[in-house]
Each structure stands twice: as C-alpha cells, then as structure tokens.
Amino acid sequence: MYRTRLQRLAYGCIFATALSSAALAQSPAPAPSSVPSQSAAPKPACGGDLAAFLEGVKAEAVAAGAPQSAADQALEGAQIDPKVLSRDRAQGVFRQTFLEFSQRTVSQARLDIGRQKLKQYADVFDRAQKEFGVAPGIITAFWAMETDFGAVQGDFNTRNALVTLSHDCRRPELFRPQLIALIEMVQHGDLDPATNTGAWAGEIGQVQMLPEDIIAHGADGDGDAHINVKTSAPDAILTAAKFIQSMGFAAGQPWIQEVSLPESLPFEKSGLGNEIPASEWFALGVAPRDGNTGFGNLPAALVLPQGRKGPAFLTYPNFKIYLEWNQSFIYTTSAAYFATRLSGAPPYQKGNPEPGLDDARMKALQTKLQALGHDIGKVDGILGSGTRVAVQKEQKRLGLPADGWPTQALLGAL
C-alpha cells in the first residue's frame, strides 16, 4: 500500500502525447503518481545478469505470498526495454503559462466529451460519490487530462517497463515494489504480462495508476470480479474515486474557487502554504465569483498563477489531493479548474496579466535572486516554487505588489 505520492515520471509518455505535446508550465517534468518515497531505505539488488535478477524478484514475490506459478507467468519472456531507459534519462522541462496550458487542456471539446461521459456513466459516478465522497467532475477531469478518456494510455509493455526500471540501478527502490505488485495483478487474473501496455514508467489504465495503487485501491465497477482499469471505464472511475479518498479528500467541501481581487489586497499573503481562514480573505475584499462564502471556516490559500492581473483562485484543503496526484502547480491548478467547469462553474476571467520573462531573462532573474541569498535551486529558467517565493520576497522588499509573478519591472529593479 502506498505511503506517499510524488510527481509523475510518466508525464512524458502519456500526458504530453494526449495533449499533442502540450507542455507543463514552469515546473520540472513530474514523476509517477503514488510511487513510495524510500530515499532513506537501502536500494534493493539491481543490475547484473537479467535472468539472475528476475529469479531474485520471483523469490521476493513468493516470499510475499504470490504463487510460484504467478511469478513465473508474470516474468516469462521479460526483457530490458532501451526506449524506457531513454525516456527516463531524457525527461523534459515544460514552460507554458497557466493561461496557455489550461486553455489547451480544458478545451470545449473535452468539456463536451466529459459531460457526455458523466451522463453515460451516471450510475457509476453516483456510486463513487456515495461510497467515496468524490465529486464526479474531479474524477472526470483527471480521466480527461491523463489519457483523453482512455484514448491514449501508452504503448510500452508494462511488465518490461517495470523490469527495466527495477533492474536499472538509478532508482530500483521506486520501481521494484511495482514489479512485485504487477505479479499480484497477474495472480488475480487482472493483467496479461505479455500484452498489457501503458506508460513508460509503469502506469496503467484510463487514469494512469501504478500496480501498487491498483492493488491497494482497486474497485470492481462493472461486476465481473476483476479490476481492469485499462479497458473498463467503471473500474477506472471507482478505483480513481477510492484512490482520491485515500489521499484525504473531504466529501462536500470545495477544492478551488475562482475569485476577484481588490487593488488594495496585501498580495504578500498570497501563495500556496500561506493559508488563512477563507472568511479572512472575504473580509479583505476577495470575492468568490459564484457568490458562495459558506466555507469561510476552512483554511484557504490565494493562488495567482500569473500574478494579480491574471486569474485568481482560493484553494481549500481538498486541493492538496491534486498536489499529491501531481506536484506541478500549473497541472494541478488546471485540473482543479477543469473539475469546477464539469461541476457547473463558468470559464475563468482571463484578466490581463503582465508579460512574463523569456528563458534568458528568467535565468538572469534567478542568478540575481541567488546572489541575494535566495534558495531557488538550479538556475534553469523555470518558475518553480523556490523562485516564486524569492520573487515575492524581493517584490515586497522593493515596494512592488508581492504577487510572486516575475516581470521585466522586477528584473530591472534588481
């Protein structure tokens, strides 16, 4: 069972393909959802003769309770896939802004298909909400953004991908447990190791989940006594709902809410991690577009993906499940917004954001911030969380609106 969840490594295989090379904004390529973090644990055996390595995996699976026959069946014919290693070594960095990325991903066509899916599987979504407390729009938005409703699930043999990444000595502690879980899926008759395909990092199915997650949170939505998140939409929907519930999603609470802002707002209070009761935001003049101030007792953060002149949102505790699913700020904000649209919200107000910085100017800004003592990580031209925090601090020091959005004016002032 998963104990923590990191960014998706498999982004490059699935999500970028589904979006025709759409790019994640201002954040490194993510890593596989739900992969347990075991940085402190010793690395398991890796490398060397492949046959000997596979025998070691089989022995571990059998010791964990798998029949020898299932272990043999799962790993028969397993091979190292050089294309998987190539993808793993060449994860890209993506730099679209929130407006660019969200308008591309939350398209009218996707909204139309999503609404049709909500009607087509209304009984399954109703069951998901009753049993796990997860709103239909949340599941449907992930379904759309991960695989275009199952249309683009990846074409890497899942067994070989996990064998490759487990045998490779870069991060075997992340992937070997997934290979053991795959053997359990084979044991249950839920996966054909010779033919099952998915993401290069081993994620499977219509909402892209790793084998350990499927074992821990799999739900039979179609009543056939199997969990098949690849071909069964009802299984994928219910499994996603159970998985989201396991992250701590609170039924009946919001996850994100579009707001309008007063000019006089103390923008230094904005940013993920700067949570205050929503009622305090309302008292400062932050106004929900839907008029609903009924969640004033909940902690909320004000997020401004492109600064105070662009779209603005309050994020509530449920937003944290998005960050557990994928730690890219632009992806999570877009997915959360998508879910609100499927739940009846209108399009956001685009505003008129100030132009951001190109790659060279962003690197110049980061160099200046680093020289001032800010921990921004690498000088890489990416507007990650460290750079946003540093920008906000310098904006405040210089008497500029501290909204965390880097502009030419800030660069010039520094």
Protein backbone atom coordinates (compact mmCIF):
# COMPACT_ATOMS: atom_id res chain seq x y z
CA MET A 1 0.00 0.00 0.00
CA TYR A 2 1.33 3.43 -0.89
CA ARG A 3 2.61 5.62 1.86
CA THR A 4 3.34 8.80 -0.10
CA ARG A 5 2.92 10.19 -3.59
CA LEU A 6 5.40 12.05 -5.75
CA GLN A 7 5.18 13.85 -9.08
CA ARG A 8 4.62 11.79 -12.22
CA LEU A 9 7.65 10.42 -14.03
CA ALA A 10 5.37 9.09 -16.73
CA TYR A 11 4.18 12.52 -17.82
CA GLY A 12 6.28 12.44 -20.96
CA CYS A 13 4.76 9.17 -22.13
CA ILE A 14 1.09 9.75 -21.57
CA PHE A 15 0.06 13.28 -20.82
CA ALA A 16 2.21 15.06 -23.39
CA THR A 17 1.13 12.58 -26.05
CA ALA A 18 -2.53 13.01 -25.22
CA LEU A 19 -2.16 16.77 -25.49
CA SER A 20 -0.16 16.73 -28.73
CA SER A 21 2.99 17.82 -26.93
CA ALA A 22 1.28 20.28 -24.59
CA ALA A 23 3.76 21.48 -22.01
CA LEU A 24 3.68 21.67 -18.26
CA ALA A 25 4.19 25.24 -17.19
CA GLN A 26 7.04 26.39 -15.04
CA SER A 27 7.83 23.11 -13.40
CA PRO A 28 10.06 20.10 -14.00
CA ALA A 29 8.58 17.04 -15.66
CA PRO A 30 6.73 15.13 -12.94
CA ALA A 31 7.34 11.63 -11.59
CA PRO A 32 4.95 8.65 -11.28
CA SER A 33 1.99 9.27 -9.01
CA SER A 34 1.83 7.15 -5.95
CA VAL A 35 5.40 5.92 -6.07
CA PRO A 36 6.50 5.44 -2.46
CA SER A 37 9.36 7.64 -1.33
CA GLN A 38 12.07 5.36 0.03
CA SER A 39 15.11 7.60 -0.19
CA ALA A 40 16.25 6.57 3.27
CA ALA A 41 15.86 2.82 2.62
CA PRO A 42 18.71 0.77 1.17
CA LYS A 43 18.46 0.11 -2.53
CA PRO A 44 17.37 -3.40 -3.48
CA ALA A 45 19.51 -5.59 -5.67
CA CYS A 46 19.78 -4.28 -9.22
CA GLY A 47 21.83 -4.65 -12.38
CA GLY A 48 23.87 -7.68 -13.36
CA ASP A 49 22.63 -10.76 -15.19
CA LEU A 50 18.95 -10.28 -16.07
CA ALA A 51 18.00 -13.92 -15.51
CA ALA A 52 19.52 -13.90 -12.02
CA PHE A 53 17.83 -10.58 -11.29
CA LEU A 54 14.42 -11.97 -12.32
CA GLU A 55 14.91 -15.03 -10.14
CA GLY A 56 15.51 -12.69 -7.21
CA VAL A 57 12.29 -10.80 -7.96
CA LYS A 58 10.36 -14.07 -8.16
CA ALA A 59 11.76 -15.20 -4.82
CA GLU A 60 10.72 -11.89 -3.22
CA ALA A 61 7.22 -12.16 -4.68
CA VAL A 62 6.82 -15.73 -3.47
CA ALA A 63 8.05 -14.76 -0.02
CA ALA A 64 5.35 -12.05 -0.02
CA GLY A 65 2.66 -14.65 -0.74
CA ALA A 66 2.47 -14.96 -4.52
CA PRO A 67 2.28 -18.46 -6.01
CA GLN A 68 5.39 -19.53 -7.88
CA SER A 69 3.22 -20.06 -10.97
CA ALA A 70 2.13 -16.41 -10.97
CA ALA A 71 5.70 -15.19 -10.57
CA ASP A 72 6.85 -17.43 -13.41
CA GLN A 73 3.98 -16.34 -15.66
CA ALA A 74 4.48 -12.66 -14.96
CA LEU A 75 8.19 -12.61 -15.74
CA GLU A 76 8.38 -15.18 -18.54
CA GLY A 77 9.96 -13.52 -21.55
CA ALA A 78 10.69 -10.28 -19.69
CA GLN A 79 13.19 -8.02 -21.42
CA ILE A 80 15.04 -4.78 -20.88
CA ASP A 81 13.47 -2.02 -22.98
CA PRO A 82 16.09 0.53 -24.09
CA LYS A 83 13.33 3.00 -25.02
CA VAL A 84 12.22 3.08 -21.38
CA LEU A 85 15.74 3.98 -20.24
CA SER A 86 15.90 6.63 -22.94
CA ARG A 87 12.65 8.21 -21.69
CA ASP A 88 13.83 8.02 -18.10
CA ARG A 89 17.08 9.82 -18.92
CA ALA A 90 15.50 12.45 -21.14
CA GLN A 91 12.62 13.86 -19.13
CA GLY A 92 11.96 17.35 -20.35
CA VAL A 93 11.06 20.64 -18.75
CA PHE A 94 7.90 22.44 -19.84
CA ARG A 95 7.24 26.13 -19.70
CA GLN A 96 3.72 27.05 -20.74
CA THR A 97 1.89 29.59 -18.61
CA PHE A 98 -1.31 28.74 -16.78
CA LEU A 99 -3.43 30.52 -19.38
CA GLU A 100 -1.70 28.72 -22.25
CA PHE A 101 -1.81 25.31 -20.61
CA SER A 102 -5.29 25.44 -19.10
CA GLN A 103 -6.92 26.79 -22.27
CA ARG A 104 -5.37 23.98 -24.24
CA THR A 105 -6.25 21.23 -21.79
CA VAL A 106 -9.67 22.48 -20.72
CA SER A 107 -10.95 22.75 -24.27
CA GLN A 108 -14.58 22.91 -25.30
CA ALA A 109 -14.24 19.53 -26.99
CA ARG A 110 -13.00 17.95 -23.78
CA LEU A 111 -15.71 19.62 -21.76
CA ASP A 112 -18.33 18.27 -24.16
CA ILE A 113 -16.92 14.74 -24.02
CA GLY A 114 -16.59 14.95 -20.25
CA ARG A 115 -20.22 15.93 -19.85
CA GLN A 116 -21.24 13.09 -22.13
CA LYS A 117 -19.21 10.66 -20.00
CA LEU A 118 -20.87 12.00 -16.87
CA LYS A 119 -24.24 11.09 -18.36
CA GLN A 120 -23.10 7.77 -19.83
CA TYR A 121 -21.71 6.53 -16.50
CA ALA A 122 -24.05 8.45 -14.21
CA ASP A 123 -24.80 5.38 -12.09
CA VAL A 124 -21.09 4.64 -11.61
CA PHE A 125 -20.32 8.25 -10.68
CA ASP A 126 -23.24 8.23 -8.27
CA ARG A 127 -21.84 5.11 -6.62
CA ALA A 128 -18.36 6.70 -6.47
CA GLN A 129 -19.76 9.76 -4.73
CA LYS A 130 -21.86 7.77 -2.29
CA GLU A 131 -19.12 5.29 -1.37
CA PHE A 132 -16.04 7.51 -1.50
CA GLY A 133 -17.35 11.08 -1.34
CA VAL A 134 -15.58 12.22 -4.52
CA ALA A 135 -17.43 14.56 -6.89
CA PRO A 136 -17.88 13.22 -10.45
CA GLY A 137 -16.19 16.26 -12.01
CA ILE A 138 -12.96 15.58 -10.14
CA ILE A 139 -12.64 12.04 -11.47
CA THR A 140 -13.68 13.06 -14.98
CA ALA A 141 -11.14 15.89 -15.15
CA PHE A 142 -8.29 13.52 -14.25
CA TRP A 143 -9.66 10.98 -16.73
CA ALA A 144 -9.56 13.61 -19.46
CA MET A 145 -6.17 15.06 -18.64
CA GLU A 146 -4.37 11.77 -18.13
CA THR A 147 -5.49 9.80 -21.18
CA ASP A 148 -8.18 11.71 -23.09
CA PHE A 149 -10.84 9.44 -21.56
CA GLY A 150 -8.81 6.30 -22.22
CA ALA A 151 -7.86 7.06 -25.81
CA VAL A 152 -4.11 7.47 -25.16
CA GLN A 153 -2.84 5.07 -22.49
CA GLY A 154 0.72 4.41 -23.67
CA ASP A 155 2.24 1.67 -25.77
CA PHE A 156 5.06 0.38 -23.56
CA ASN A 157 4.81 -3.19 -22.31
CA THR A 158 4.13 -2.62 -18.61
CA ARG A 159 5.99 -5.69 -17.37
CA ASN A 160 9.09 -4.86 -19.41
CA ALA A 161 8.99 -1.21 -18.37
CA LEU A 162 8.97 -2.14 -14.68
CA VAL A 163 11.63 -4.82 -15.16
CA THR A 164 13.80 -2.26 -16.93
CA LEU A 165 13.44 0.40 -14.25
CA SER A 166 13.83 -2.11 -11.41
CA HIS A 167 16.94 -3.66 -12.95
CA ASP A 168 18.44 -0.22 -13.63
CA CYS A 169 20.39 0.94 -10.59
CA ARG A 170 19.28 4.59 -10.68
CA ARG A 171 16.05 4.16 -8.67
CA PRO A 172 15.24 0.48 -8.17
CA GLU A 173 13.69 1.16 -4.75
CA LEU A 174 10.90 3.08 -6.51
CA PHE A 175 10.09 0.51 -9.16
CA ARG A 176 10.80 -2.94 -7.74
CA PRO A 177 7.72 -2.78 -5.44
CA GLN A 178 5.66 -2.01 -8.53
CA LEU A 179 7.02 -5.12 -10.22
CA ILE A 180 6.07 -7.23 -7.20
CA ALA A 181 2.57 -5.70 -7.30
CA LEU A 182 2.33 -6.50 -11.02
CA ILE A 183 2.92 -10.15 -10.18
CA GLU A 184 -0.01 -9.95 -7.75
CA MET A 185 -2.18 -8.48 -10.53
CA VAL A 186 -1.22 -11.43 -12.71
CA GLN A 187 -2.10 -13.76 -9.83
CA HIS A 188 -5.59 -12.18 -9.68
CA GLY A 189 -6.08 -12.52 -13.41
CA ASP A 190 -6.24 -8.72 -13.81
CA LEU A 191 -3.26 -8.29 -16.13
CA ASP A 192 -1.71 -10.19 -19.04
CA PRO A 193 2.02 -9.54 -18.72
CA ALA A 194 2.71 -10.33 -22.37
CA THR A 195 0.22 -7.85 -23.82
CA ASN A 196 -0.57 -5.16 -21.24
CA THR A 197 0.69 -1.75 -22.29
CA GLY A 198 0.84 1.62 -20.58
CA ALA A 199 3.22 4.44 -19.68
CA TRP A 200 6.98 4.07 -19.88
CA ALA A 201 7.21 4.30 -16.06
CA GLY A 202 4.70 1.51 -15.49
CA GLU A 203 1.43 3.39 -15.04
CA ILE A 204 -1.63 1.60 -16.31
CA GLY A 205 -5.11 2.43 -17.43
CA GLN A 206 -7.54 5.21 -18.09
CA VAL A 207 -6.49 7.32 -15.09
CA GLN A 208 -2.85 6.14 -15.08
CA MET A 209 -2.19 4.28 -11.86
CA LEU A 210 0.74 2.18 -10.76
CA PRO A 211 0.30 -1.51 -9.85
CA GLU A 212 0.63 -0.95 -6.09
CA ASP A 213 -2.15 1.64 -6.22
CA ILE A 214 -4.38 -0.68 -8.20
CA ILE A 215 -3.80 -3.47 -5.68
CA ALA A 216 -4.45 -1.14 -2.73
CA HIS A 217 -7.40 0.81 -4.12
CA GLY A 218 -8.84 -1.24 -6.98
CA ALA A 219 -12.65 -1.34 -7.14
CA ASP A 220 -14.81 -3.54 -9.36
CA GLY A 221 -17.20 -1.16 -11.10
CA ASP A 222 -18.65 -3.49 -13.71
CA GLY A 223 -19.27 -6.53 -11.52
CA ASP A 224 -17.04 -9.03 -13.37
CA ALA A 225 -14.96 -9.82 -10.25
CA HIS A 226 -11.84 -8.29 -11.82
CA ILE A 227 -10.15 -4.91 -11.62
CA ASN A 228 -9.32 -3.76 -15.13
CA VAL A 229 -8.57 -0.04 -15.18
CA LYS A 230 -7.36 -0.28 -18.77
CA THR A 231 -10.49 -1.48 -20.57
CA SER A 232 -13.28 -0.96 -18.03
CA ALA A 233 -14.38 2.65 -17.51
CA PRO A 234 -16.48 1.71 -14.45
CA ASP A 235 -13.46 0.03 -12.84
CA ALA A 236 -11.29 3.05 -13.63
CA ILE A 237 -13.86 5.51 -12.23
CA LEU A 238 -14.40 3.68 -8.95
CA THR A 239 -10.71 2.92 -8.48
CA ALA A 240 -9.84 6.58 -9.03
CA ALA A 241 -12.50 7.62 -6.52
CA LYS A 242 -11.20 5.20 -3.89
CA PHE A 243 -7.64 6.35 -4.54
CA ILE A 244 -8.60 10.04 -4.22
CA GLN A 245 -10.47 9.31 -0.99
CA SER A 246 -7.33 7.63 0.37
CA MET A 247 -5.44 10.90 -0.11
CA GLY A 248 -7.78 12.58 2.37
CA PHE A 249 -10.41 14.15 0.14
CA ALA A 250 -13.23 15.57 2.27
CA ALA A 251 -16.71 14.98 0.84
CA GLY A 252 -18.87 18.03 0.36
CA GLN A 253 -16.03 20.54 0.55
CA PRO A 254 -14.67 22.69 -2.29
CA TRP A 255 -11.22 22.24 -3.78
CA ILE A 256 -10.77 25.51 -5.69
CA GLN A 257 -12.88 28.62 -6.15
CA GLU A 258 -12.35 31.45 -8.61
CA VAL A 259 -12.29 34.90 -7.00
CA SER A 260 -11.93 38.55 -7.90
CA LEU A 261 -9.47 40.78 -6.07
CA PRO A 262 -9.39 44.33 -4.77
CA GLU A 263 -6.49 46.54 -5.82
CA SER A 264 -5.55 47.14 -2.18
CA LEU A 265 -5.04 43.47 -1.29
CA PRO A 266 -1.83 42.66 0.64
CA PHE A 267 -0.52 40.34 -2.07
CA GLU A 268 2.35 39.14 0.11
CA LYS A 269 -0.27 36.97 1.82
CA SER A 270 -0.86 35.04 -1.42
CA GLY A 271 0.75 31.77 -2.42
CA LEU A 272 0.38 28.07 -1.62
CA GLY A 273 1.25 27.44 2.01
CA ASN A 274 0.03 30.86 3.12
CA GLU A 275 -3.32 29.67 4.41
CA ILE A 276 -5.72 31.72 6.48
CA PRO A 277 -9.44 31.16 7.09
CA ALA A 278 -11.39 31.89 3.93
CA SER A 279 -13.52 34.31 5.92
CA GLU A 280 -10.42 36.49 6.38
CA TRP A 281 -9.89 36.59 2.62
CA PHE A 282 -13.51 37.62 2.21
CA ALA A 283 -13.05 40.36 4.79
CA LEU A 284 -10.06 41.64 2.77
CA GLY A 285 -12.31 42.01 -0.27
CA VAL A 286 -11.57 38.72 -2.02
CA ALA A 287 -14.92 37.88 -3.64
CA PRO A 288 -15.92 34.41 -4.89
CA ARG A 289 -17.33 34.65 -8.40
CA ASP A 290 -20.04 32.13 -7.54
CA GLY A 291 -21.04 34.19 -4.51
CA ASN A 292 -20.60 31.24 -2.14
CA THR A 293 -18.98 32.33 1.09
CA GLY A 294 -20.32 29.35 3.03
CA PHE A 295 -16.88 27.78 3.53
CA GLY A 296 -15.42 30.70 5.45
CA ASN A 297 -14.32 28.45 8.29
CA LEU A 298 -11.99 26.43 6.03
CA PRO A 299 -8.33 27.38 5.61
CA ALA A 300 -7.65 28.76 2.15
CA ALA A 301 -4.67 29.97 0.14
CA LEU A 302 -4.89 32.60 -2.58
CA VAL A 303 -3.12 31.41 -5.73
CA LEU A 304 -2.28 33.74 -8.60
CA PRO A 305 -0.80 31.59 -11.39
CA GLN A 306 0.12 34.67 -13.47
CA GLY A 307 0.10 37.36 -10.86
CA ARG A 308 -2.53 39.71 -9.54
CA LYS A 309 -3.72 40.74 -13.00
CA GLY A 310 -4.49 37.21 -14.16
CA PRO A 311 -6.92 34.51 -12.97
CA ALA A 312 -7.20 34.19 -9.19
CA PHE A 313 -8.34 31.28 -7.05
CA LEU A 314 -8.78 30.31 -3.44
CA THR A 315 -7.58 26.77 -2.81
CA TYR A 316 -9.07 24.74 0.04
CA PRO A 317 -7.77 21.63 1.88
CA ASN A 318 -9.11 19.33 -0.86
CA PHE A 319 -6.70 20.97 -3.30
CA LYS A 320 -3.92 19.02 -1.58
CA ILE A 321 -5.10 15.83 -3.27
CA TYR A 322 -4.23 17.46 -6.59
CA LEU A 323 -0.72 18.15 -5.34
CA GLU A 324 -0.45 14.51 -4.26
CA TRP A 325 -1.60 13.35 -7.68
CA ASN A 326 0.86 15.62 -9.45
CA GLN A 327 3.16 18.23 -7.93
CA SER A 328 3.20 20.58 -10.92
CA PHE A 329 1.46 23.79 -9.85
CA ILE A 330 0.19 24.51 -13.37
CA TYR A 331 -1.10 20.97 -13.93
CA THR A 332 -2.86 20.81 -10.58
CA THR A 333 -4.46 24.22 -10.89
CA SER A 334 -5.63 23.38 -14.41
CA ALA A 335 -7.02 20.01 -13.32
CA ALA A 336 -8.82 21.57 -10.36
CA TYR A 337 -10.27 24.30 -12.57
CA PHE A 338 -11.34 21.64 -15.12
CA ALA A 339 -13.23 19.82 -12.37
CA THR A 340 -15.09 23.00 -11.43
CA ARG A 341 -16.13 23.52 -15.05
CA LEU A 342 -17.51 19.98 -15.20
CA SER A 343 -19.33 20.75 -11.95
CA GLY A 344 -21.04 23.80 -13.46
CA ALA A 345 -18.66 26.72 -12.96
CA PRO A 346 -18.25 29.31 -15.75
CA PRO A 347 -14.96 29.95 -17.58
CA TYR A 348 -12.44 31.87 -15.53
CA GLN A 349 -11.80 35.55 -16.08
CA LYS A 350 -8.53 35.74 -18.01
CA GLY A 351 -7.68 39.24 -16.85
CA ASN A 352 -4.71 40.96 -18.41
CA PRO A 353 -1.54 39.50 -16.87
CA GLU A 354 1.73 41.33 -17.23
CA PRO A 355 4.07 39.60 -19.71
CA GLY A 356 6.32 37.04 -18.09
CA LEU A 357 10.03 36.55 -18.73
CA ASP A 358 11.54 34.51 -21.52
CA ASP A 359 14.08 31.80 -20.73
CA ALA A 360 17.16 34.03 -20.84
CA ARG A 361 15.59 36.75 -18.68
CA MET A 362 14.25 34.19 -16.21
CA LYS A 363 17.75 32.78 -15.81
CA ALA A 364 19.11 36.28 -15.35
CA LEU A 365 16.48 36.90 -12.65
CA GLN A 366 17.30 33.61 -10.93
CA THR A 367 21.01 34.49 -10.97
CA LYS A 368 20.25 37.79 -9.27
CA LEU A 369 17.96 36.12 -6.73
CA GLN A 370 20.62 33.53 -5.97
CA ALA A 371 23.22 36.28 -5.49
CA LEU A 372 20.87 37.91 -2.99
CA GLY A 373 20.90 34.70 -0.93
CA HIS A 374 17.62 33.13 -2.00
CA ASP A 375 17.42 29.34 -2.33
CA ILE A 376 15.91 28.95 -5.78
CA GLY A 377 17.54 25.63 -6.63
CA LYS A 378 19.10 25.46 -10.10
CA VAL A 379 19.29 28.45 -12.42
CA ASP A 380 17.18 26.75 -15.07
CA GLY A 381 14.70 29.33 -16.34
CA ILE A 382 11.79 27.55 -14.63
CA LEU A 383 9.34 29.36 -12.38
CA GLY A 384 9.27 26.74 -9.66
CA SER A 385 8.12 27.18 -6.07
CA GLY A 386 11.52 28.37 -4.84
CA THR A 387 11.71 31.07 -7.48
CA ARG A 388 8.13 32.19 -6.80
CA VAL A 389 8.86 32.58 -3.08
CA ALA A 390 12.05 34.50 -3.79
CA VAL A 391 10.29 36.75 -6.29
CA GLN A 392 7.57 37.51 -3.77
CA LYS A 393 10.11 38.42 -1.08
CA GLU A 394 12.02 40.73 -3.40
CA GLN A 395 8.81 42.35 -4.64
CA LYS A 396 7.86 43.13 -1.06
CA ARG A 397 11.35 44.46 -0.25
CA LEU A 398 11.25 46.74 -3.29
CA GLY A 399 7.75 48.01 -2.60
CA LEU A 400 6.19 46.22 -5.57
CA PRO A 401 2.92 44.23 -5.40
CA ALA A 402 4.18 40.93 -4.00
CA ASP A 403 2.19 38.51 -6.14
CA GLY A 404 5.04 36.12 -6.99
CA TRP A 405 4.87 36.78 -10.75
CA PRO A 406 8.27 37.70 -12.26
CA THR A 407 8.20 40.63 -14.67
CA GLN A 408 10.63 42.82 -16.54
CA ALA A 409 9.94 45.57 -13.99
CA LEU A 410 11.20 43.33 -11.18
CA LEU A 411 14.24 42.26 -13.18
CA GLY A 412 15.03 45.90 -13.90
CA ALA A 413 14.57 46.89 -10.27
CA LEU A 414 17.04 44.21 -9.18
